[in-house]
N, C-alpha and C. Protein backbone atom coordinates (compact mmCIF):
# COMPACT_ATOMS: atom_id res chain seq x y z
N MET A 1 100.84 116.29 92.20
CA MET A 1 101.69 115.50 92.38
C MET A 1 103.12 116.38 91.44
N ASP A 2 104.44 116.07 91.52
CA ASP A 2 105.55 116.44 90.85
C ASP A 2 106.24 114.93 90.38
N TYR A 3 105.97 114.62 89.21
CA TYR A 3 107.00 113.50 88.73
C TYR A 3 108.15 114.06 88.06
N HIS A 4 108.85 115.24 88.12
CA HIS A 4 109.74 115.18 87.59
C HIS A 4 111.34 114.48 88.26
N LEU A 5 111.32 113.54 89.66
CA LEU A 5 111.93 113.01 89.86
C LEU A 5 111.83 111.23 89.52
N LEU A 6 110.41 111.21 88.97
CA LEU A 6 110.84 109.73 88.58
C LEU A 6 111.02 109.72 86.40
N TRP A 7 110.88 110.59 86.33
CA TRP A 7 111.34 111.16 84.67
C TRP A 7 113.09 110.97 85.15
N ALA A 8 113.20 111.77 86.31
CA ALA A 8 115.01 112.07 86.13
C ALA A 8 115.39 110.70 86.65
N GLY A 9 114.73 109.61 87.45
CA GLY A 9 115.33 108.28 87.45
C GLY A 9 115.19 107.73 85.91
N ILE A 10 114.27 107.91 85.39
CA ILE A 10 114.22 107.13 84.21
C ILE A 10 115.25 107.49 82.92
N ALA A 11 115.83 108.77 83.24
CA ALA A 11 116.66 109.18 82.02
C ALA A 11 117.71 109.23 82.73
N ALA A 12 118.07 108.98 83.74
CA ALA A 12 119.19 108.08 84.55
C ALA A 12 119.94 106.87 84.00
N VAL A 13 118.69 106.43 83.57
CA VAL A 13 118.97 104.43 83.27
C VAL A 13 119.86 104.74 81.65
N GLY A 14 119.75 105.68 81.38
CA GLY A 14 120.69 106.11 79.85
C GLY A 14 121.93 105.57 80.85
N VAL A 15 122.58 105.89 81.88
CA VAL A 15 123.80 105.65 81.91
C VAL A 15 124.05 104.02 81.93
N ILE A 16 123.25 103.56 82.07
CA ILE A 16 123.57 101.70 82.28
C ILE A 16 124.34 101.79 80.29
N GLY A 17 123.85 102.31 79.65
CA GLY A 17 124.56 101.92 78.41
C GLY A 17 125.83 102.18 78.42
N TRP A 18 125.87 103.18 79.26
CA TRP A 18 127.99 103.07 79.36
C TRP A 18 128.60 102.00 79.47
N GLY A 19 128.05 101.38 80.36
CA GLY A 19 128.81 100.48 81.19
C GLY A 19 128.55 99.08 79.51
N ILE A 20 127.21 99.02 79.18
CA ILE A 20 127.40 98.12 78.16
C ILE A 20 128.22 98.69 77.19
N GLY A 21 128.04 99.91 76.57
CA GLY A 21 128.77 100.38 75.42
C GLY A 21 130.57 99.79 75.33
N ILE A 22 130.57 100.35 76.64
CA ILE A 22 132.21 100.48 76.89
C ILE A 22 132.63 98.67 76.61
N GLY A 23 132.02 98.08 77.35
CA GLY A 23 132.16 96.74 77.57
C GLY A 23 132.53 96.38 75.94
N LEU A 24 130.89 96.42 75.17
CA LEU A 24 131.18 95.49 74.04
C LEU A 24 132.41 95.98 73.30
N VAL A 25 133.02 97.25 73.69
CA VAL A 25 133.84 97.85 72.45
C VAL A 25 135.54 97.62 73.04
N GLY A 26 135.56 97.33 74.46
CA GLY A 26 136.18 96.47 75.19
C GLY A 26 136.63 95.06 74.74
N LYS A 27 135.40 94.22 74.29
CA LYS A 27 135.55 93.01 73.91
C LYS A 27 136.03 92.98 72.31
N GLY A 28 135.11 93.88 71.90
CA GLY A 28 135.48 93.72 70.49
C GLY A 28 137.21 94.12 70.53
N LEU A 29 137.95 95.25 70.82
CA LEU A 29 139.23 95.51 70.72
C LEU A 29 140.26 94.14 71.00
N LEU A 30 139.83 93.29 72.10
CA LEU A 30 140.91 92.43 72.63
C LEU A 30 140.64 91.28 71.39
N GLU A 31 139.18 90.89 70.78
CA GLU A 31 138.70 89.99 70.05
C GLU A 31 139.87 90.18 68.85
N ALA A 32 139.79 91.61 68.44
CA ALA A 32 140.50 91.98 67.15
C ALA A 32 142.29 91.97 67.29
N LEU A 33 142.49 91.98 68.89
CA LEU A 33 143.96 92.02 68.99
C LEU A 33 144.34 90.16 69.13
N ALA A 34 143.61 89.41 69.54
CA ALA A 34 143.65 88.01 69.55
C ALA A 34 143.68 87.34 68.01
N ARG A 35 143.27 88.01 66.85
CA ARG A 35 143.24 87.55 65.99
C ARG A 35 144.35 88.22 64.94
N ASN A 36 144.72 89.19 64.96
CA ASN A 36 145.52 90.06 64.16
C ASN A 36 145.96 91.05 65.57
N PRO A 37 147.34 90.52 65.97
CA PRO A 37 148.16 91.15 66.76
C PRO A 37 148.83 92.74 66.04
N GLN A 38 149.18 92.76 64.50
CA GLN A 38 150.12 94.00 64.03
C GLN A 38 149.33 94.99 64.13
N VAL A 39 147.79 94.83 64.31
CA VAL A 39 146.91 96.34 64.07
C VAL A 39 146.72 96.65 65.42
N SER A 40 147.92 96.73 66.56
CA SER A 40 147.11 97.37 67.62
C SER A 40 146.83 98.64 67.84
N SER A 41 147.92 99.35 67.02
CA SER A 41 147.93 100.57 67.29
C SER A 41 146.72 101.26 66.61
N LYS A 42 146.43 100.59 65.63
CA LYS A 42 145.11 101.04 64.36
C LYS A 42 143.77 100.54 64.93
N ALA A 43 143.77 99.70 66.12
CA ALA A 43 143.09 99.23 66.60
C ALA A 43 142.12 100.05 68.13
N MET A 44 143.62 100.56 68.70
CA MET A 44 143.52 101.10 69.76
C MET A 44 142.87 102.65 69.46
N VAL A 45 143.13 103.22 68.68
CA VAL A 45 142.56 104.33 68.07
C VAL A 45 140.84 104.18 68.19
N TYR A 46 140.37 103.65 67.09
CA TYR A 46 139.28 103.22 67.10
C TYR A 46 138.19 102.53 68.64
N ALA A 47 138.69 102.33 69.08
CA ALA A 47 138.40 101.28 70.52
C ALA A 47 138.12 103.21 71.36
N ILE A 48 139.29 103.77 71.34
CA ILE A 48 139.76 104.85 72.58
C ILE A 48 138.22 106.02 72.14
N LEU A 49 137.70 106.33 70.76
CA LEU A 49 137.03 106.97 70.07
C LEU A 49 135.93 106.37 70.37
N GLY A 50 135.06 104.73 70.27
CA GLY A 50 134.63 103.94 70.49
C GLY A 50 133.91 104.18 72.03
N MET A 51 135.10 104.34 72.92
CA MET A 51 134.47 104.39 74.09
C MET A 51 134.14 105.95 74.50
N ALA A 52 134.82 106.97 73.86
CA ALA A 52 134.10 108.02 73.80
C ALA A 52 133.20 108.55 73.59
N LEU A 53 132.61 107.94 72.67
CA LEU A 53 131.17 107.99 72.35
C LEU A 53 130.52 107.75 72.87
N ALA A 54 130.80 106.35 74.09
CA ALA A 54 129.67 105.55 74.73
C ALA A 54 129.73 106.39 76.16
N GLU A 55 130.71 106.84 76.25
CA GLU A 55 130.84 107.72 77.40
C GLU A 55 129.98 108.71 77.28
N ALA A 56 129.95 109.62 76.37
CA ALA A 56 129.48 110.88 75.90
C ALA A 56 127.67 110.73 75.60
N THR A 57 127.20 109.94 75.64
CA THR A 57 125.73 109.62 75.47
C THR A 57 125.30 109.34 77.26
N SER A 58 126.54 108.61 77.54
CA SER A 58 125.90 108.70 79.42
C SER A 58 126.10 110.34 80.13
N ILE A 59 126.97 110.71 79.39
CA ILE A 59 126.81 112.26 79.97
C ILE A 59 125.64 112.97 79.39
N TYR A 60 125.14 112.93 78.47
CA TYR A 60 124.05 113.58 77.33
C TYR A 60 122.86 112.85 79.05
N ALA A 61 122.28 111.72 78.97
CA ALA A 61 121.49 111.37 80.00
C ALA A 61 121.75 111.92 81.60
N LEU A 62 122.84 112.04 81.87
CA LEU A 62 122.90 112.59 83.26
C LEU A 62 122.61 114.13 83.61
N VAL A 63 122.80 114.36 82.54
CA VAL A 63 122.73 116.21 82.44
C VAL A 63 121.41 115.85 82.21
N ILE A 64 120.25 115.52 81.65
CA ILE A 64 119.46 115.68 81.11
C ILE A 64 118.57 115.12 82.98
N ALA A 65 118.75 114.00 83.55
CA ALA A 65 118.62 113.85 84.36
C ALA A 65 118.41 114.73 85.97
N PHE A 66 119.73 115.32 85.96
CA PHE A 66 120.03 116.69 86.85
C PHE A 66 119.14 117.57 86.60
N MET A 67 118.88 118.31 85.35
CA MET A 67 118.22 119.06 84.70
C MET A 67 116.50 118.85 84.96
N LEU A 68 116.29 117.86 85.34
CA LEU A 68 114.76 117.28 85.50
C LEU A 68 114.80 117.07 87.01
N ILE A 69 116.06 116.94 87.44
CA ILE A 69 115.67 116.99 89.14
C ILE A 69 115.75 118.54 90.11
N ASN A 70 116.66 119.72 89.17
CA ASN A 70 116.42 120.65 89.73
C ASN A 70 115.12 121.69 88.82
N HIS A 71 114.87 120.58 87.98
CA HIS A 71 113.19 121.64 87.34
C HIS A 71 111.92 121.90 88.57
N LYS A 72 111.52 123.23 88.70
CA LYS A 72 110.84 123.50 89.97
C LYS A 72 109.37 124.26 89.21
């Protein structure tokens, strides 16, 4: 019995981390801007960097899931 589709589904669960990570970064950005609006340009740079790192992990999980689906 081939379990590669099951493992691909489990690997795809890593995509959930993308939504959680970007949500937490956005929440932190809004809290930082609410407390100190003068740091908006600096905070935006760090927020974009954090969102990019969160998205990269999601892409890695998705690539692994596709590799497991195509594995025969």
